[in-house]
C-alpha atoms as a PDB file:
ATOM      1  CA  MET A   1    -171.992 -23.484  85.640  1.00  0.00           C
ATOM      2  CA  THR A   2    -172.204 -20.661  88.149  1.00  0.00           C
ATOM      3  CA  GLN A   3    -174.751 -20.458  90.908  1.00  0.00           C
ATOM      4  CA  THR A   4    -176.315 -17.238  92.091  1.00  0.00           C
ATOM      5  CA  MET A   5    -176.676 -16.482  95.756  1.00  0.00           C
ATOM      6  CA  PRO A   6    -180.246 -17.178  96.864  1.00  0.00           C
ATOM      7  CA  THR A   7    -182.389 -14.433  98.325  1.00  0.00           C
ATOM      8  CA  LEU A   8    -182.333 -14.508 102.115  1.00  0.00           C
ATOM      9  CA  LEU A   9    -185.460 -15.825 103.768  1.00  0.00           C
ATOM     10  CA  ASP A  10    -186.855 -13.417 106.333  1.00  0.00           C
ATOM     11  CA  LEU A  11    -186.699 -14.186 110.047  1.00  0.00           C
ATOM     12  CA  ALA A  12    -190.366 -15.222 110.280  1.00  0.00           C
ATOM     13  CA  GLU A  13    -189.769 -17.790 107.527  1.00  0.00           C
ATOM     14  CA  LEU A  14    -186.695 -19.084 109.346  1.00  0.00           C
ATOM     15  CA  LYS A  15    -188.626 -19.442 112.595  1.00  0.00           C
ATOM     16  CA  GLN A  16    -191.137 -21.663 110.790  1.00  0.00           C
ATOM     17  CA  LEU A  17    -188.276 -24.047 109.931  1.00  0.00           C
ATOM     18  CA  VAL A  18    -187.493 -24.760 113.607  1.00  0.00           C
ATOM     19  CA  ARG A  19    -189.343 -27.855 114.788  1.00  0.00           C
ATOM     20  CA  THR A  20    -190.767 -27.970 118.311  1.00  0.00           C
ATOM     21  CA  VAL A  21    -190.618 -31.379 119.981  1.00  0.00           C
ATOM     22  CA  PRO A  22    -192.829 -31.542 123.088  1.00  0.00           C
ATOM     23  CA  ASP A  23    -191.706 -33.317 126.259  1.00  0.00           C
ATOM     24  CA  PHE A  24    -188.057 -33.741 125.231  1.00  0.00           C
ATOM     25  CA  PRO A  25    -185.740 -34.438 126.976  1.00  0.00           C
ATOM     26  CA  LYS A  26    -188.288 -34.585 129.790  1.00  0.00           C
ATOM     27  CA  ASP A  27    -191.956 -33.844 130.375  1.00  0.00           C
ATOM     28  CA  GLY A  28    -192.907 -30.187 130.116  1.00  0.00           C
ATOM     29  CA  ILE A  29    -189.943 -29.147 127.949  1.00  0.00           C
ATOM     30  CA  GLN A  30    -190.598 -27.745 124.470  1.00  0.00           C
ATOM     31  CA  PHE A  31    -187.373 -28.703 122.641  1.00  0.00           C
ATOM     32  CA  ARG A  32    -186.455 -26.335 119.782  1.00  0.00           C
ATOM     33  CA  ASP A  33    -184.918 -28.586 117.129  1.00  0.00           C
ATOM     34  CA  ILE A  34    -182.652 -26.884 114.587  1.00  0.00           C
ATOM     35  CA  THR A  35    -182.098 -30.008 112.467  1.00  0.00           C
ATOM     36  CA  THR A  36    -185.065 -29.001 110.321  1.00  0.00           C
ATOM     37  CA  LEU A  37    -183.545 -25.524 109.851  1.00  0.00           C
ATOM     38  CA  ILE A  38    -180.107 -26.779 108.824  1.00  0.00           C
ATOM     39  CA  GLY A  39    -181.800 -29.467 106.706  1.00  0.00           C
ATOM     40  CA  SER A  40    -183.267 -26.722 104.504  1.00  0.00           C
ATOM     41  CA  GLY A  41    -180.689 -25.386 102.038  1.00  0.00           C
ATOM     42  CA  PRO A  42    -182.369 -21.974 101.715  1.00  0.00           C
ATOM     43  CA  GLY A  43    -183.052 -21.876 105.467  1.00  0.00           C
ATOM     44  CA  PHE A  44    -179.506 -22.734 106.499  1.00  0.00           C
ATOM     45  CA  SER A  45    -177.977 -20.384 103.927  1.00  0.00           C
ATOM     46  CA  SER A  46    -180.268 -17.564 105.031  1.00  0.00           C
ATOM     47  CA  THR A  47    -179.471 -18.172 108.700  1.00  0.00           C
ATOM     48  CA  ILE A  48    -175.750 -17.954 107.972  1.00  0.00           C
ATOM     49  CA  GLY A  49    -176.324 -14.835 105.867  1.00  0.00           C
ATOM     50  CA  HIS A  50    -178.201 -13.056 108.660  1.00  0.00           C
ATOM     51  CA  LEU A  51    -175.623 -14.040 111.297  1.00  0.00           C
ATOM     52  CA  ALA A  52    -172.706 -13.049 109.035  1.00  0.00           C
ATOM     53  CA  GLN A  53    -174.235  -9.632 108.412  1.00  0.00           C
ATOM     54  CA  GLN A  54    -174.625  -9.057 112.148  1.00  0.00           C
ATOM     55  CA  ALA A  55    -171.080 -10.275 112.905  1.00  0.00           C
ATOM     56  CA  SER A  56    -169.691  -7.979 110.217  1.00  0.00           C
ATOM     57  CA  GLU A  57    -171.643  -5.001 111.598  1.00  0.00           C
ATOM     58  CA  ARG A  58    -170.109  -5.708 115.013  1.00  0.00           C
ATOM     59  CA  GLY A  59    -166.548  -5.564 113.672  1.00  0.00           C
ATOM     60  CA  ALA A  60    -165.727  -9.262 114.029  1.00  0.00           C
ATOM     61  CA  GLN A  61    -162.105 -10.193 113.378  1.00  0.00           C
ATOM     62  CA  ALA A  62    -162.700 -13.828 114.376  1.00  0.00           C
ATOM     63  CA  ILE A  63    -165.708 -16.025 115.102  1.00  0.00           C
ATOM     64  CA  ALA A  64    -165.848 -18.450 118.037  1.00  0.00           C
ATOM     65  CA  GLY A  65    -168.278 -21.321 118.414  1.00  0.00           C
ATOM     66  CA  MET A  66    -168.841 -23.780 121.217  1.00  0.00           C
ATOM     67  CA  GLU A  67    -168.944 -27.535 120.700  1.00  0.00           C
ATOM     68  CA  ALA A  68    -170.997 -28.879 119.061  1.00  0.00           C
ATOM     69  CA  ARG A  69    -173.742 -26.920 117.321  1.00  0.00           C
ATOM     70  CA  GLY A  70    -171.795 -23.676 117.606  1.00  0.00           C
ATOM     71  CA  PHE A  71    -169.325 -25.308 115.222  1.00  0.00           C
ATOM     72  CA  ILE A  72    -172.057 -25.665 112.588  1.00  0.00           C
ATOM     73  CA  PHE A  73    -173.131 -22.036 112.661  1.00  0.00           C
ATOM     74  CA  GLY A  74    -169.889 -20.370 113.736  1.00  0.00           C
ATOM     75  CA  ALA A  75    -167.655 -22.068 111.187  1.00  0.00           C
ATOM     76  CA  ALA A  76    -170.114 -21.288 108.384  1.00  0.00           C
ATOM     77  CA  VAL A  77    -170.281 -17.612 109.429  1.00  0.00           C
ATOM     78  CA  ALA A  78    -166.475 -17.420 109.618  1.00  0.00           C
ATOM     79  CA  ALA A  79    -166.182 -18.972 106.150  1.00  0.00           C
ATOM     80  CA  ARG A  80    -168.794 -16.590 104.714  1.00  0.00           C
ATOM     81  CA  LEU A  81    -166.827 -13.609 106.090  1.00  0.00           C
ATOM     82  CA  GLY A  82    -163.348 -14.988 105.371  1.00  0.00           C
ATOM     83  CA  LEU A  83    -162.463 -14.853 109.066  1.00  0.00           C
ATOM     84  CA  PRO A  84    -160.699 -17.321 111.349  1.00  0.00           C
ATOM     85  CA  PHE A  85    -162.839 -19.716 113.389  1.00  0.00           C
ATOM     86  CA  ILE A  86    -161.969 -20.441 117.026  1.00  0.00           C
ATOM     87  CA  SER A  87    -163.287 -23.761 118.288  1.00  0.00           C
ATOM     88  CA  VAL A  88    -164.245 -23.773 121.958  1.00  0.00           C
ATOM     89  CA  ARG A  89    -163.962 -27.424 122.908  1.00  0.00           C
ATOM     90  CA  LYS A  90    -164.947 -29.889 125.576  1.00  0.00           C
ATOM     91  CA  PRO A  91    -162.011 -31.171 127.668  1.00  0.00           C
ATOM     92  CA  GLY A  92    -159.445 -33.500 126.154  1.00  0.00           C
ATOM     93  CA  LYS A  93    -160.303 -32.813 122.510  1.00  0.00           C
ATOM     94  CA  LEU A  94    -157.293 -30.702 121.525  1.00  0.00           C
ATOM     95  CA  PRO A  95    -153.830 -32.238 120.903  1.00  0.00           C
ATOM     96  CA  VAL A  96    -151.924 -29.172 122.180  1.00  0.00           C
ATOM     97  CA  PRO A  97    -151.625 -27.479 125.573  1.00  0.00           C
ATOM     98  CA  THR A  98    -154.862 -25.649 126.361  1.00  0.00           C
ATOM     99  CA  ILE A  99    -156.354 -23.128 128.708  1.00  0.00           C
ATOM    100  CA  GLY A 100    -159.714 -23.890 130.261  1.00  0.00           C
ATOM    101  CA  VAL A 101    -162.603 -22.648 132.350  1.00  0.00           C
ATOM    102  CA  ASP A 102    -164.846 -24.688 134.608  1.00  0.00           C
ATOM    103  CA  TYR A 103    -168.479 -23.620 134.850  1.00  0.00           C
ATOM    104  CA  ALA A 104    -171.563 -24.662 136.779  1.00  0.00           C
ATOM    105  CA  LEU A 105    -174.335 -26.822 135.389  1.00  0.00           C
ATOM    106  CA  GLU A 106    -177.681 -27.502 137.012  1.00  0.00           C
ATOM    107  CA  TYR A 107    -176.229 -30.659 138.625  1.00  0.00           C
ATOM    108  CA  GLY A 108    -172.457 -30.417 138.595  1.00  0.00           C
ATOM    109  CA  THR A 109    -169.783 -28.714 136.520  1.00  0.00           C
ATOM    110  CA  ASP A 110    -168.350 -28.834 133.027  1.00  0.00           C
ATOM    111  CA  ARG A 111    -165.277 -27.388 131.334  1.00  0.00           C
ATOM    112  CA  LEU A 112    -164.421 -25.604 128.101  1.00  0.00           C
ATOM    113  CA  GLU A 113    -160.941 -25.376 126.578  1.00  0.00           C
ATOM    114  CA  ILE A 114    -159.204 -23.621 123.705  1.00  0.00           C
ATOM    115  CA  ASP A 115    -155.777 -23.533 122.134  1.00  0.00           C
ATOM    116  CA  PRO A 116    -154.501 -20.211 123.507  1.00  0.00           C
ATOM    117  CA  ASP A 117    -152.685 -19.569 120.218  1.00  0.00           C
ATOM    118  CA  SER A 118    -156.017 -19.457 118.364  1.00  0.00           C
ATOM    119  CA  VAL A 119    -156.651 -15.906 119.629  1.00  0.00           C
ATOM    120  CA  HIS A 120    -154.306 -13.222 118.288  1.00  0.00           C
ATOM    121  CA  GLY A 121    -153.626 -10.150 120.410  1.00  0.00           C
ATOM    122  CA  ASP A 122    -156.722  -8.204 121.279  1.00  0.00           C
ATOM    123  CA  GLN A 123    -158.634  -9.671 118.326  1.00  0.00           C
ATOM    124  CA  ARG A 124    -162.366  -8.774 118.298  1.00  0.00           C
ATOM    125  CA  VAL A 125    -164.080 -12.138 118.678  1.00  0.00           C
ATOM    126  CA  VAL A 126    -167.816 -12.590 118.148  1.00  0.00           C
ATOM    127  CA  ILE A 127    -169.387 -15.734 119.613  1.00  0.00           C
ATOM    128  CA  VAL A 128    -171.904 -17.555 117.407  1.00  0.00           C
ATOM    129  CA  ASP A 129    -174.074 -20.427 118.674  1.00  0.00           C
ATOM    130  CA  ASP A 130    -177.371 -22.084 117.886  1.00  0.00           C
ATOM    131  CA  LEU A 131    -179.234 -21.319 121.105  1.00  0.00           C
ATOM    132  CA  ILE A 132    -178.969 -19.407 124.350  1.00  0.00           C
ATOM    133  CA  ALA A 133    -180.896 -20.786 127.307  1.00  0.00           C
ATOM    134  CA  THR A 134    -179.367 -20.212 130.759  1.00  0.00           C
ATOM    135  CA  GLY A 135    -176.179 -18.706 129.276  1.00  0.00           C
ATOM    136  CA  GLY A 136    -173.695 -20.697 131.366  1.00  0.00           C
ATOM    137  CA  THR A 137    -171.781 -22.146 128.423  1.00  0.00           C
ATOM    138  CA  ALA A 138    -171.638 -18.821 126.586  1.00  0.00           C
ATOM    139  CA  GLU A 139    -170.492 -17.001 129.726  1.00  0.00           C
ATOM    140  CA  ALA A 140    -167.701 -19.565 130.205  1.00  0.00           C
ATOM    141  CA  ALA A 141    -166.669 -19.132 126.554  1.00  0.00           C
ATOM    142  CA  VAL A 142    -166.476 -15.359 127.038  1.00  0.00           C
ATOM    143  CA  LYS A 143    -164.217 -15.795 130.088  1.00  0.00           C
ATOM    144  CA  LEU A 144    -162.006 -18.252 128.224  1.00  0.00           C
ATOM    145  CA  LEU A 145    -161.637 -16.122 125.095  1.00  0.00           C
ATOM    146  CA  ARG A 146    -160.841 -13.081 127.237  1.00  0.00           C
ATOM    147  CA  MET A 147    -158.231 -15.117 129.168  1.00  0.00           C
ATOM    148  CA  ALA A 148    -156.579 -15.812 125.799  1.00  0.00           C
ATOM    149  CA  GLY A 149    -156.439 -12.068 125.090  1.00  0.00           C
ATOM    150  CA  GLY A 150    -159.497 -11.663 122.878  1.00  0.00           C
ATOM    151  CA  THR A 151    -161.848  -8.698 123.001  1.00  0.00           C
ATOM    152  CA  VAL A 152    -165.301 -10.225 123.360  1.00  0.00           C
ATOM    153  CA  GLU A 153    -168.270  -7.861 123.409  1.00  0.00           C
ATOM    154  CA  HIS A 154    -170.871  -9.580 121.213  1.00  0.00           C
ATOM    155  CA  ALA A 155    -172.636 -12.937 121.028  1.00  0.00           C
ATOM    156  CA  LEU A 156    -175.028 -13.983 118.270  1.00  0.00           C
ATOM    157  CA  PHE A 157    -177.528 -16.816 118.512  1.00  0.00           C
ATOM    158  CA  VAL A 158    -180.013 -18.369 116.151  1.00  0.00           C
ATOM    159  CA  ILE A 159    -182.509 -18.905 119.001  1.00  0.00           C
ATOM    160  CA  ASP A 160    -183.002 -17.176 122.353  1.00  0.00           C
ATOM    161  CA  LEU A 161    -185.140 -18.706 125.104  1.00  0.00           C
ATOM    162  CA  PRO A 162    -185.554 -15.447 127.065  1.00  0.00           C
ATOM    163  CA  ASP A 163    -187.497 -17.012 129.952  1.00  0.00           C
ATOM    164  CA  LEU A 164    -184.330 -18.903 130.955  1.00  0.00           C
ATOM    165  CA  GLY A 165    -182.282 -15.722 131.514  1.00  0.00           C
ATOM    166  CA  GLY A 166    -179.175 -16.366 129.431  1.00  0.00           C
ATOM    167  CA  SER A 167    -179.253 -13.041 127.597  1.00  0.00           C
ATOM    168  CA  GLN A 168    -179.446 -11.174 130.897  1.00  0.00           C
ATOM    169  CA  LEU A 169    -176.525 -13.188 132.299  1.00  0.00           C
ATOM    170  CA  LEU A 170    -174.361 -12.222 129.323  1.00  0.00           C
ATOM    171  CA  ASP A 171    -175.543  -8.619 129.509  1.00  0.00           C
ATOM    172  CA  HIS A 172    -174.248  -8.480 133.111  1.00  0.00           C
ATOM    173  CA  ALA A 173    -170.900  -9.770 131.780  1.00  0.00           C
ATOM    174  CA  GLY A 174    -170.750  -6.836 129.335  1.00  0.00           C
ATOM    175  CA  ILE A 175    -171.808  -8.845 126.285  1.00  0.00           C
ATOM    176  CA  SER A 176    -174.292  -7.518 123.745  1.00  0.00           C
ATOM    177  CA  VAL A 177    -176.621 -10.380 122.743  1.00  0.00           C
ATOM    178  CA  ALA A 178    -178.593 -10.664 119.515  1.00  0.00           C
ATOM    179  CA  SER A 179    -180.677 -13.543 118.225  1.00  0.00           C
ATOM    180  CA  LEU A 180    -182.524 -14.219 115.007  1.00  0.00           C
ATOM    181  CA  MET A 181    -185.603 -15.529 116.809  1.00  0.00           C
ATOM    182  CA  GLN A 182    -187.080 -16.065 120.265  1.00  0.00           C
ATOM    183  CA  PHE A 183    -189.312 -18.760 121.696  1.00  0.00           C
ATOM    184  CA  GLU A 184    -191.132 -18.200 124.968  1.00  0.00           C
ATOM    185  CA  GLY A 185    -191.112 -20.892 127.650  1.00  0.00           C
ATOM    186  CA  ASP A 186    -188.655 -23.710 128.267  1.00  0.00           C
END
């Protein structure tokens, strides 16, 4: 039995599938929960379809995603396009020698690492993640992928929280940012 590809839901329909949880993780925050989006077969498939189309239009030769939710979306986009997926990991998760970048958090620092052999030459790498807020993690991923020799000019997100400035931060780093939807506020 063969299945036909479902028609893509439009972006307004996808936005309706994102649940807002008030006061999480602290009072005053409106948490944008993607579990309801990925829990919808047509919604998840449509999200991947829209992201894959945009990655293809941007000349992607590989897709990179940051741990953990970037793995969900990035790996699915890479599979849809038949491209390699580069996993950008938290420290100590890879069994081979890595290269890494430390980056600032609101209260401290964190680190991202990759296997430097996962990027080939000046491969055009498009970053795919679920959400951009302040942009610190995405900016660190860009630096890391460029250190490994990748050409990184584009980042795609399911959700942008524009009031938190992440898109502008990436723009200053020479990265074109696109998202499927935006939510105002925190």
